N, C-alpha and C. Protein backbone atom coordinates (compact mmCIF):
# COMPACT_ATOMS: atom_id res chain seq x y z
N MET A 1 307.98 38.30 35.92
CA MET A 1 308.93 38.97 35.04
C MET A 1 308.90 40.48 35.28
N ARG A 2 309.94 41.14 34.82
CA ARG A 2 310.01 42.59 34.95
C ARG A 2 310.05 43.24 33.56
N TYR A 3 309.29 44.31 33.42
CA TYR A 3 309.16 45.01 32.15
C TYR A 3 309.35 46.51 32.35
N LEU A 4 309.65 47.21 31.27
CA LEU A 4 309.67 48.66 31.28
C LEU A 4 308.48 49.14 30.48
N SER A 5 307.48 49.67 31.18
CA SER A 5 306.29 50.18 30.51
C SER A 5 306.59 51.56 29.96
N ILE A 6 306.35 51.73 28.66
CA ILE A 6 306.64 53.01 28.00
C ILE A 6 305.40 53.53 27.29
N ASP A 7 305.39 54.83 27.10
CA ASP A 7 304.37 55.45 26.27
C ASP A 7 304.95 56.74 25.72
N LEU A 8 304.57 57.07 24.50
CA LEU A 8 304.98 58.37 23.97
C LEU A 8 303.79 59.07 23.36
N GLU A 9 303.86 60.38 23.40
CA GLU A 9 302.90 61.22 22.71
C GLU A 9 303.62 61.83 21.52
N ALA A 10 302.87 62.02 20.44
CA ALA A 10 303.48 62.52 19.21
C ALA A 10 302.53 63.52 18.55
N THR A 11 303.04 64.20 17.53
CA THR A 11 302.22 65.17 16.81
C THR A 11 301.26 64.49 15.84
N GLY A 12 301.31 63.17 15.77
CA GLY A 12 300.42 62.41 14.90
C GLY A 12 300.97 61.01 14.70
N LEU A 13 300.33 60.26 13.80
CA LEU A 13 300.71 58.87 13.55
C LEU A 13 301.44 58.69 12.22
N ASN A 14 301.75 59.78 11.55
CA ASN A 14 302.36 59.68 10.22
C ASN A 14 303.89 59.61 10.30
N GLU A 15 304.48 59.21 9.22
CA GLU A 15 305.92 58.93 9.15
C GLU A 15 306.77 60.11 9.61
N HIS A 16 306.38 61.33 9.29
CA HIS A 16 307.22 62.48 9.59
C HIS A 16 306.75 63.26 10.82
N ASP A 17 305.88 62.68 11.63
CA ASP A 17 305.46 63.34 12.86
C ASP A 17 306.57 63.25 13.91
N TYR A 18 306.41 64.03 14.98
CA TYR A 18 307.45 64.18 16.00
C TYR A 18 307.02 63.57 17.33
N ILE A 19 307.98 62.94 18.01
CA ILE A 19 307.79 62.58 19.41
C ILE A 19 307.81 63.88 20.22
N ILE A 20 306.83 64.05 21.11
CA ILE A 20 306.83 65.25 21.94
C ILE A 20 306.90 64.94 23.44
N GLU A 21 306.59 63.70 23.82
CA GLU A 21 306.68 63.34 25.23
C GLU A 21 306.95 61.84 25.33
N PHE A 22 307.75 61.45 26.31
CA PHE A 22 308.08 60.04 26.53
C PHE A 22 308.05 59.77 28.03
N GLY A 23 307.29 58.74 28.42
CA GLY A 23 307.22 58.36 29.83
C GLY A 23 307.51 56.89 30.00
N MET A 24 308.04 56.50 31.16
CA MET A 24 308.34 55.09 31.41
C MET A 24 308.33 54.80 32.90
N VAL A 25 307.95 53.56 33.21
CA VAL A 25 307.97 53.09 34.59
C VAL A 25 308.19 51.57 34.58
N PRO A 26 309.16 51.08 35.34
CA PRO A 26 309.35 49.63 35.44
C PRO A 26 308.26 49.01 36.31
N PHE A 27 307.95 47.73 36.03
CA PHE A 27 307.00 47.02 36.88
C PHE A 27 307.30 45.53 36.88
N CYS A 28 306.78 44.86 37.90
CA CYS A 28 307.08 43.45 38.12
C CYS A 28 305.78 42.66 38.21
N THR A 29 305.70 41.53 37.50
CA THR A 29 304.49 40.71 37.54
C THR A 29 304.50 39.72 38.70
N GLU A 30 305.61 39.62 39.41
CA GLU A 30 305.67 38.71 40.56
C GLU A 30 305.06 39.35 41.81
N ASN A 31 305.45 40.61 42.08
CA ASN A 31 304.86 41.29 43.23
C ASN A 31 303.71 42.22 42.84
N LEU A 32 303.43 42.29 41.52
CA LEU A 32 302.32 43.10 40.99
C LEU A 32 302.44 44.57 41.36
N LYS A 33 303.69 45.09 41.30
CA LYS A 33 303.93 46.47 41.69
C LYS A 33 304.70 47.24 40.62
N LEU A 34 304.38 48.55 40.55
CA LEU A 34 305.15 49.48 39.74
C LEU A 34 306.30 50.01 40.58
N GLU A 35 307.42 50.26 39.92
CA GLU A 35 308.59 50.83 40.60
C GLU A 35 308.60 52.34 40.35
N ASP A 36 307.75 53.05 41.09
CA ASP A 36 307.57 54.48 40.83
C ASP A 36 308.81 55.31 41.09
N ASP A 37 309.72 54.81 41.93
CA ASP A 37 310.97 55.54 42.18
C ASP A 37 311.83 55.62 40.93
N LEU A 38 311.60 54.72 39.97
CA LEU A 38 312.38 54.71 38.73
C LEU A 38 311.58 55.23 37.54
N ALA A 39 310.41 55.79 37.80
CA ALA A 39 309.59 56.37 36.72
C ALA A 39 310.25 57.66 36.22
N LYS A 40 310.14 57.90 34.92
CA LYS A 40 310.71 59.12 34.32
C LYS A 40 309.80 59.62 33.22
N ASN A 41 309.87 60.94 33.01
CA ASN A 41 309.10 61.56 31.94
C ASN A 41 309.96 62.63 31.27
N TYR A 42 309.89 62.72 29.95
CA TYR A 42 310.67 63.69 29.20
C TYR A 42 309.78 64.40 28.18
N TYR A 43 310.03 65.69 27.99
CA TYR A 43 309.43 66.43 26.88
C TYR A 43 310.49 66.60 25.81
N ILE A 44 310.13 66.35 24.56
CA ILE A 44 311.09 66.41 23.45
C ILE A 44 310.68 67.54 22.52
N LYS A 45 311.65 68.36 22.19
CA LYS A 45 311.41 69.58 21.40
C LYS A 45 310.87 69.24 20.01
N CYS A 46 309.92 70.05 19.58
CA CYS A 46 309.34 69.94 18.24
C CYS A 46 309.14 71.34 17.69
N PRO A 47 308.85 71.47 16.40
CA PRO A 47 308.52 72.80 15.85
C PRO A 47 307.30 73.39 16.54
N SER A 48 307.08 74.68 16.33
CA SER A 48 305.97 75.37 16.99
C SER A 48 304.62 74.81 16.54
N PHE A 49 303.64 74.94 17.41
CA PHE A 49 302.29 74.50 17.09
C PHE A 49 301.76 75.20 15.84
N GLU A 50 302.05 76.49 15.74
CA GLU A 50 301.56 77.27 14.60
C GLU A 50 302.13 76.73 13.28
N SER A 51 303.41 76.37 13.28
CA SER A 51 304.02 75.87 12.05
C SER A 51 303.53 74.46 11.71
N LEU A 52 303.20 73.68 12.73
CA LEU A 52 302.73 72.31 12.51
C LEU A 52 301.24 72.23 12.17
N ARG A 53 300.49 73.21 12.62
CA ARG A 53 299.02 73.15 12.56
C ARG A 53 298.45 72.76 11.19
N PRO A 54 298.94 73.30 10.07
CA PRO A 54 298.32 72.96 8.77
C PRO A 54 298.31 71.47 8.45
N ARG A 55 299.23 70.70 9.02
CA ARG A 55 299.26 69.27 8.70
C ARG A 55 298.91 68.36 9.89
N LEU A 56 298.38 68.97 10.95
CA LEU A 56 297.98 68.18 12.11
C LEU A 56 296.58 67.62 11.95
N ASP A 57 296.38 66.42 12.47
CA ASP A 57 295.06 65.81 12.51
C ASP A 57 294.15 66.63 13.43
N PRO A 58 292.86 66.76 13.09
CA PRO A 58 291.95 67.53 13.94
C PRO A 58 291.94 67.07 15.40
N TRP A 59 292.05 65.75 15.64
CA TRP A 59 292.07 65.25 17.01
C TRP A 59 293.28 65.80 17.76
N VAL A 60 294.43 65.84 17.09
CA VAL A 60 295.66 66.35 17.72
C VAL A 60 295.50 67.83 18.03
N ILE A 61 294.93 68.59 17.11
CA ILE A 61 294.71 70.02 17.34
C ILE A 61 293.82 70.23 18.56
N GLU A 62 292.77 69.42 18.66
CA GLU A 62 291.81 69.58 19.76
C GLU A 62 292.38 69.15 21.11
N HIS A 63 293.16 68.06 21.13
CA HIS A 63 293.57 67.47 22.40
C HIS A 63 295.02 67.75 22.81
N ASN A 64 295.89 68.03 21.85
CA ASN A 64 297.32 68.10 22.18
C ASN A 64 297.98 69.46 21.93
N GLU A 65 297.18 70.50 21.71
CA GLU A 65 297.78 71.82 21.45
C GLU A 65 298.69 72.25 22.60
N SER A 66 298.23 72.16 23.83
CA SER A 66 299.04 72.61 24.97
C SER A 66 300.29 71.74 25.13
N LEU A 67 300.15 70.43 24.87
CA LEU A 67 301.31 69.55 24.98
C LEU A 67 302.36 69.87 23.91
N ILE A 68 301.91 70.15 22.69
CA ILE A 68 302.85 70.51 21.62
C ILE A 68 303.54 71.82 21.96
N LYS A 69 302.79 72.79 22.48
CA LYS A 69 303.40 74.07 22.86
C LYS A 69 304.41 73.89 23.99
N LYS A 70 304.10 73.02 24.94
CA LYS A 70 305.04 72.76 26.03
C LYS A 70 306.30 72.08 25.52
N ALA A 71 306.12 71.09 24.62
CA ALA A 71 307.28 70.41 24.04
C ALA A 71 308.16 71.38 23.26
N HIS A 72 307.52 72.28 22.51
CA HIS A 72 308.28 73.26 21.72
C HIS A 72 309.07 74.20 22.62
N SER A 73 308.47 74.66 23.71
CA SER A 73 309.12 75.68 24.55
C SER A 73 310.04 75.08 25.61
N GLN A 74 309.72 73.89 26.12
CA GLN A 74 310.47 73.33 27.24
C GLN A 74 311.19 72.02 26.92
N GLY A 75 310.88 71.43 25.78
CA GLY A 75 311.43 70.12 25.46
C GLY A 75 312.91 70.14 25.14
N MET A 76 313.54 68.97 25.30
CA MET A 76 314.96 68.82 24.97
C MET A 76 315.11 68.32 23.54
N GLU A 77 316.22 68.66 22.94
CA GLU A 77 316.51 68.15 21.59
C GLU A 77 316.59 66.63 21.64
N ILE A 78 316.29 65.99 20.53
CA ILE A 78 316.24 64.53 20.49
C ILE A 78 317.59 63.91 20.85
N ASP A 79 318.69 64.54 20.47
CA ASP A 79 320.01 64.00 20.83
C ASP A 79 320.24 64.04 22.34
N ILE A 80 319.76 65.09 22.98
CA ILE A 80 319.87 65.19 24.44
C ILE A 80 318.99 64.15 25.10
N PHE A 81 317.78 63.94 24.57
CA PHE A 81 316.91 62.90 25.09
C PHE A 81 317.58 61.53 25.01
N ARG A 82 318.22 61.24 23.88
CA ARG A 82 318.92 59.96 23.73
C ARG A 82 320.00 59.80 24.80
N GLU A 83 320.75 60.88 25.04
CA GLU A 83 321.79 60.84 26.07
C GLU A 83 321.20 60.65 27.47
N GLU A 84 320.09 61.35 27.74
CA GLU A 84 319.44 61.23 29.05
C GLU A 84 318.89 59.81 29.26
N LEU A 85 318.29 59.26 28.21
CA LEU A 85 317.74 57.91 28.31
C LEU A 85 318.86 56.89 28.51
N GLU A 86 319.95 57.06 27.80
CA GLU A 86 321.09 56.15 27.96
C GLU A 86 321.65 56.22 29.38
N ALA A 87 321.75 57.44 29.92
CA ALA A 87 322.24 57.60 31.30
C ALA A 87 321.29 56.90 32.28
N TYR A 88 319.98 57.04 32.06
CA TYR A 88 319.00 56.35 32.90
C TYR A 88 319.19 54.84 32.83
N LEU A 89 319.30 54.30 31.64
CA LEU A 89 319.40 52.86 31.46
C LEU A 89 320.70 52.30 32.03
N ASN A 90 321.71 53.15 32.17
CA ASN A 90 323.00 52.72 32.73
C ASN A 90 323.09 52.95 34.24
N ARG A 91 322.05 53.54 34.84
CA ARG A 91 322.05 53.76 36.29
C ARG A 91 322.09 52.42 37.02
N LYS A 92 322.82 52.38 38.13
CA LYS A 92 322.94 51.15 38.91
C LYS A 92 321.59 50.64 39.37
N GLU A 93 320.70 51.54 39.84
CA GLU A 93 319.39 51.11 40.33
C GLU A 93 318.57 50.45 39.22
N VAL A 94 318.68 50.99 38.00
CA VAL A 94 317.94 50.43 36.87
C VAL A 94 318.53 49.08 36.48
N LYS A 95 319.85 49.01 36.40
CA LYS A 95 320.50 47.74 36.05
C LYS A 95 320.20 46.68 37.09
N ASP A 96 320.22 47.06 38.37
CA ASP A 96 319.93 46.10 39.44
C ASP A 96 318.48 45.62 39.36
N TYR A 97 317.54 46.53 39.05
CA TYR A 97 316.13 46.16 38.98
C TYR A 97 315.89 45.13 37.88
N PHE A 98 316.53 45.31 36.74
CA PHE A 98 316.28 44.43 35.59
C PHE A 98 317.26 43.27 35.50
N LYS A 99 318.14 43.14 36.47
CA LYS A 99 319.14 42.08 36.43
C LYS A 99 318.47 40.71 36.47
N ASN A 100 318.96 39.82 35.62
CA ASN A 100 318.48 38.44 35.67
C ASN A 100 319.66 37.49 35.41
N GLU A 101 319.44 36.23 35.62
CA GLU A 101 320.52 35.26 35.55
C GLU A 101 321.17 35.19 34.17
N ARG A 102 320.38 35.39 33.12
CA ARG A 102 320.93 35.28 31.77
C ARG A 102 321.42 36.62 31.21
N ASN A 103 321.31 37.69 32.03
CA ASN A 103 321.77 39.01 31.63
C ASN A 103 321.13 39.47 30.31
N GLU A 104 319.83 39.20 30.18
CA GLU A 104 319.13 39.61 28.96
C GLU A 104 318.79 41.09 29.02
N LYS A 105 318.45 41.64 27.88
CA LYS A 105 318.11 43.06 27.80
C LYS A 105 316.71 43.32 28.34
N ILE A 106 316.40 44.58 28.53
CA ILE A 106 315.10 44.99 29.07
C ILE A 106 314.00 44.70 28.04
N ILE A 107 312.89 44.13 28.52
CA ILE A 107 311.73 43.89 27.66
C ILE A 107 310.79 45.08 27.78
N LEU A 108 310.49 45.71 26.66
CA LEU A 108 309.58 46.84 26.63
C LEU A 108 308.13 46.37 26.65
N PHE A 109 307.30 47.17 27.32
CA PHE A 109 305.87 46.89 27.41
C PHE A 109 305.12 48.17 27.05
N GLY A 110 304.00 48.03 26.37
CA GLY A 110 303.21 49.20 26.03
C GLY A 110 301.88 48.80 25.42
N LYS A 111 301.22 49.77 24.81
CA LYS A 111 299.91 49.54 24.19
C LYS A 111 299.98 49.95 22.73
N SER A 112 299.62 49.04 21.84
CA SER A 112 299.67 49.29 20.39
C SER A 112 301.04 49.85 19.99
N MET A 113 302.08 49.19 20.45
CA MET A 113 303.44 49.70 20.27
C MET A 113 303.88 49.78 18.82
N ASN A 114 303.31 48.93 17.97
CA ASN A 114 303.71 48.95 16.56
C ASN A 114 303.19 50.17 15.81
N ALA A 115 302.22 50.89 16.40
CA ALA A 115 301.64 52.05 15.72
C ALA A 115 302.62 53.21 15.65
N ILE A 116 303.14 53.64 16.82
CA ILE A 116 304.11 54.75 16.79
C ILE A 116 305.31 54.51 17.68
N ASP A 117 305.11 53.88 18.84
CA ASP A 117 306.20 53.80 19.83
C ASP A 117 307.47 53.21 19.23
N LEU A 118 307.40 51.98 18.75
CA LEU A 118 308.61 51.32 18.24
C LEU A 118 309.13 51.95 16.94
N PRO A 119 308.26 52.23 15.95
CA PRO A 119 308.78 52.87 14.74
C PRO A 119 309.45 54.22 15.01
N PHE A 120 308.83 55.05 15.87
CA PHE A 120 309.39 56.37 16.14
C PHE A 120 310.69 56.26 16.95
N LEU A 121 310.73 55.36 17.92
CA LEU A 121 311.95 55.20 18.72
C LEU A 121 313.09 54.63 17.88
N ASN A 122 312.79 53.66 17.02
CA ASN A 122 313.83 53.14 16.12
C ASN A 122 314.35 54.25 15.20
N ARG A 123 313.44 55.07 14.72
CA ARG A 123 313.81 56.17 13.81
C ARG A 123 314.65 57.23 14.51
N ASP A 124 314.21 57.69 15.69
CA ASP A 124 314.83 58.85 16.33
C ASP A 124 316.00 58.51 17.26
N LEU A 125 315.98 57.30 17.85
CA LEU A 125 317.08 56.93 18.74
C LEU A 125 318.11 56.06 18.03
N SER A 126 317.73 55.47 16.95
CA SER A 126 318.53 54.60 16.08
C SER A 126 318.27 53.13 16.40
N TRP A 127 318.32 52.35 15.36
CA TRP A 127 318.17 50.89 15.47
C TRP A 127 319.22 50.34 16.43
N GLU A 128 320.47 50.84 16.31
CA GLU A 128 321.56 50.34 17.15
C GLU A 128 321.29 50.61 18.63
N PHE A 129 320.80 51.81 18.96
CA PHE A 129 320.49 52.16 20.34
C PHE A 129 319.43 51.21 20.90
N MET A 130 318.37 51.01 20.15
CA MET A 130 317.28 50.16 20.62
C MET A 130 317.74 48.73 20.83
N ARG A 131 318.59 48.21 19.94
CA ARG A 131 319.06 46.83 20.08
C ARG A 131 320.10 46.70 21.18
N LYS A 132 320.79 47.78 21.49
CA LYS A 132 321.79 47.74 22.57
C LYS A 132 321.13 47.56 23.93
N PHE A 133 320.01 48.24 24.15
CA PHE A 133 319.42 48.27 25.49
C PHE A 133 318.17 47.41 25.65
N PHE A 134 317.45 47.13 24.55
CA PHE A 134 316.15 46.49 24.69
C PHE A 134 316.09 45.16 23.96
N HIS A 135 315.37 44.24 24.55
CA HIS A 135 315.19 42.90 23.98
C HIS A 135 314.41 43.00 22.68
N HIS A 136 314.65 42.02 21.78
CA HIS A 136 313.90 42.03 20.52
C HIS A 136 312.45 41.61 20.73
N ARG A 137 312.15 40.94 21.85
CA ARG A 137 310.76 40.62 22.17
C ARG A 137 310.16 41.77 22.97
N VAL A 138 308.90 42.07 22.74
CA VAL A 138 308.17 43.08 23.51
C VAL A 138 306.86 42.47 23.98
N LEU A 139 306.22 43.13 24.93
CA LEU A 139 304.90 42.71 25.41
C LEU A 139 303.93 43.85 25.16
N ASP A 140 302.81 43.55 24.50
CA ASP A 140 301.86 44.58 24.10
C ASP A 140 300.50 44.31 24.74
N LEU A 141 299.98 45.29 25.47
CA LEU A 141 298.69 45.13 26.14
C LEU A 141 297.57 44.90 25.14
N SER A 142 297.63 45.55 23.99
CA SER A 142 296.57 45.38 22.98
C SER A 142 296.49 43.93 22.52
N SER A 143 297.64 43.29 22.32
CA SER A 143 297.65 41.88 21.92
C SER A 143 297.12 41.00 23.03
N THR A 144 297.51 41.32 24.27
CA THR A 144 297.01 40.55 25.42
C THR A 144 295.50 40.66 25.52
N ALA A 145 294.97 41.88 25.37
CA ALA A 145 293.51 42.08 25.43
C ALA A 145 292.81 41.30 24.33
N ASN A 146 293.36 41.34 23.12
CA ASN A 146 292.73 40.61 22.01
C ASN A 146 292.73 39.10 22.27
N THR A 147 293.81 38.59 22.87
CA THR A 147 293.85 37.17 23.21
C THR A 147 292.75 36.83 24.21
N LEU A 148 292.58 37.67 25.23
CA LEU A 148 291.54 37.42 26.24
C LEU A 148 290.13 37.56 25.64
N ILE A 149 289.99 38.45 24.65
CA ILE A 149 288.70 38.56 23.93
C ILE A 149 288.43 37.27 23.17
N ASP A 150 289.44 36.79 22.44
CA ASP A 150 289.29 35.56 21.66
C ASP A 150 288.98 34.36 22.55
N MET A 151 289.47 34.39 23.79
CA MET A 151 289.23 33.28 24.73
C MET A 151 287.91 33.44 25.49
N GLY A 152 287.21 34.56 25.25
CA GLY A 152 285.92 34.77 25.87
C GLY A 152 285.95 35.38 27.26
N PHE A 153 287.11 35.90 27.69
CA PHE A 153 287.22 36.49 29.01
C PHE A 153 286.84 37.97 29.03
N LEU A 154 287.03 38.65 27.92
CA LEU A 154 286.74 40.08 27.85
C LEU A 154 285.74 40.35 26.72
N PRO A 155 284.90 41.39 26.87
CA PRO A 155 284.01 41.77 25.76
C PRO A 155 284.80 42.38 24.60
N LYS A 156 284.23 42.31 23.40
CA LYS A 156 284.95 42.74 22.19
C LYS A 156 285.41 44.19 22.25
N GLU A 157 284.63 45.07 22.89
CA GLU A 157 285.00 46.48 22.91
C GLU A 157 286.29 46.74 23.69
N CYS A 158 286.75 45.77 24.45
CA CYS A 158 288.00 45.94 25.23
C CYS A 158 289.25 45.88 24.35
N SER A 159 289.08 45.70 23.04
CA SER A 159 290.24 45.82 22.15
C SER A 159 290.70 47.27 22.08
N SER A 160 289.84 48.21 22.47
CA SER A 160 290.20 49.62 22.60
C SER A 160 290.74 49.86 24.01
N GLY A 161 291.88 50.55 24.09
CA GLY A 161 292.49 50.83 25.39
C GLY A 161 291.58 51.60 26.32
N SER A 162 290.85 52.57 25.78
CA SER A 162 289.97 53.37 26.62
C SER A 162 288.81 52.53 27.16
N HIS A 163 288.27 51.63 26.34
CA HIS A 163 287.21 50.75 26.81
C HIS A 163 287.72 49.75 27.84
N LEU A 164 288.96 49.27 27.64
CA LEU A 164 289.54 48.34 28.60
C LEU A 164 289.72 49.03 29.95
N MET A 165 290.18 50.29 29.93
CA MET A 165 290.32 51.04 31.19
C MET A 165 288.99 51.16 31.91
N LYS A 166 287.94 51.49 31.18
CA LYS A 166 286.62 51.62 31.79
C LYS A 166 286.13 50.27 32.33
N HIS A 167 286.35 49.21 31.55
CA HIS A 167 285.94 47.87 31.96
C HIS A 167 286.62 47.47 33.27
N LEU A 168 287.86 47.92 33.45
CA LEU A 168 288.62 47.58 34.66
C LEU A 168 288.40 48.59 35.78
N GLY A 169 287.51 49.56 35.55
CA GLY A 169 287.18 50.54 36.58
C GLY A 169 288.28 51.54 36.86
N MET A 170 289.03 51.91 35.81
CA MET A 170 290.18 52.80 35.99
C MET A 170 289.97 54.19 35.41
N GLY A 171 288.78 54.50 34.94
CA GLY A 171 288.52 55.85 34.44
C GLY A 171 288.92 56.07 33.01
N GLU A 172 289.34 57.30 32.70
CA GLU A 172 289.63 57.73 31.34
C GLU A 172 291.12 57.71 31.04
N VAL A 173 291.45 57.52 29.75
CA VAL A 173 292.84 57.63 29.29
C VAL A 173 293.28 59.09 29.42
N LYS A 174 294.48 59.31 29.94
CA LYS A 174 294.97 60.67 30.21
C LYS A 174 295.63 61.33 29.00
N HIS A 175 296.21 60.54 28.10
CA HIS A 175 296.96 61.05 26.94
C HIS A 175 298.14 61.92 27.37
N THR A 176 298.75 61.56 28.49
CA THR A 176 300.07 62.07 28.86
C THR A 176 300.95 60.85 29.02
N ALA A 177 302.20 60.96 28.61
CA ALA A 177 303.03 59.77 28.44
C ALA A 177 303.23 58.97 29.73
N LEU A 178 303.64 59.63 30.81
CA LEU A 178 303.92 58.88 32.04
C LEU A 178 302.64 58.28 32.63
N GLU A 179 301.56 59.05 32.64
CA GLU A 179 300.31 58.53 33.19
C GLU A 179 299.80 57.35 32.37
N ASP A 180 299.95 57.43 31.05
CA ASP A 180 299.51 56.32 30.20
C ASP A 180 300.42 55.11 30.38
N ALA A 181 301.73 55.33 30.55
CA ALA A 181 302.65 54.21 30.80
C ALA A 181 302.28 53.52 32.11
N ARG A 182 301.95 54.31 33.14
CA ARG A 182 301.55 53.74 34.43
C ARG A 182 300.23 52.97 34.30
N ASN A 183 299.23 53.60 33.68
CA ASN A 183 297.92 52.96 33.58
C ASN A 183 297.95 51.70 32.73
N THR A 184 298.77 51.69 31.69
CA THR A 184 298.89 50.50 30.85
C THR A 184 299.46 49.34 31.66
N ALA A 185 300.50 49.62 32.46
CA ALA A 185 301.08 48.59 33.32
C ALA A 185 300.06 48.12 34.36
N LEU A 186 299.32 49.07 34.96
CA LEU A 186 298.33 48.71 35.97
C LEU A 186 297.21 47.85 35.37
N MET A 187 296.80 48.15 34.13
CA MET A 187 295.79 47.32 33.48
C MET A 187 296.29 45.89 33.31
N TYR A 188 297.54 45.74 32.88
CA TYR A 188 298.11 44.40 32.69
C TYR A 188 298.15 43.65 34.02
N LEU A 189 298.56 44.33 35.09
CA LEU A 189 298.61 43.69 36.40
C LEU A 189 297.21 43.30 36.89
N LYS A 190 296.21 44.13 36.60
CA LYS A 190 294.83 43.79 36.95
C LYS A 190 294.37 42.54 36.19
N LEU A 191 294.73 42.46 34.91
CA LEU A 191 294.35 41.29 34.11
C LEU A 191 295.01 40.03 34.66
N ILE A 192 296.26 40.15 35.10
CA ILE A 192 296.93 39.00 35.72
C ILE A 192 296.20 38.57 36.98
N GLU A 193 295.82 39.53 37.79
CA GLU A 193 295.09 39.21 39.03
C GLU A 193 293.75 38.55 38.71
N MET A 194 293.09 39.03 37.65
CA MET A 194 291.75 38.53 37.33
C MET A 194 291.79 37.15 36.68
N TYR A 195 292.75 36.93 35.79
CA TYR A 195 292.70 35.73 34.96
C TYR A 195 293.93 34.82 35.07
N GLY A 196 294.99 35.32 35.69
CA GLY A 196 296.21 34.53 35.70
C GLY A 196 296.58 33.90 37.01
N LYS A 197 296.12 34.46 38.11
CA LYS A 197 296.50 33.95 39.42
C LYS A 197 295.30 33.27 40.06
N ASN A 198 295.47 32.03 40.46
CA ASN A 198 294.37 31.28 41.11
C ASN A 198 294.65 31.12 42.61
């Protein structure tokens, strides 16, 4: 199957936090390859770091200050991001890559998508936009890892994305959207190679 691996960075996990970066890369479970030619990354404008700081989580202040400043100074407005994403999804190369016999919509893939990715994208791009382009079913690496833990294939600590990366010999989580989208897809493909293909 073919999926669109996505990841976003935000100013936090709360209802009124902002998307500041969005990355995506298509990948295929048949040839076990990422389609890097179709990978994209966007910075989305947010208020200044100084204005946000009083309500930011300490982890965000420590790890994402430079990313928030970059999003504020170089990011595009959310409406422009929506237009850019729509143009990407309507590109012939993208449509051809995801084409299937039943003409179904693109299936999104990510890690812990219910935490911020899907709620924030539904909120900022609109429910209608998300239903127009993306399938109602999604694939989540966190759920896959938990299933493999329950089946006894992975140790319990692999329910954490960072521990799963280390377990698979892939190093540290980058906390940049495109790199995390790529690594999440690569982890899933490694799991398929380890446990799914005989």
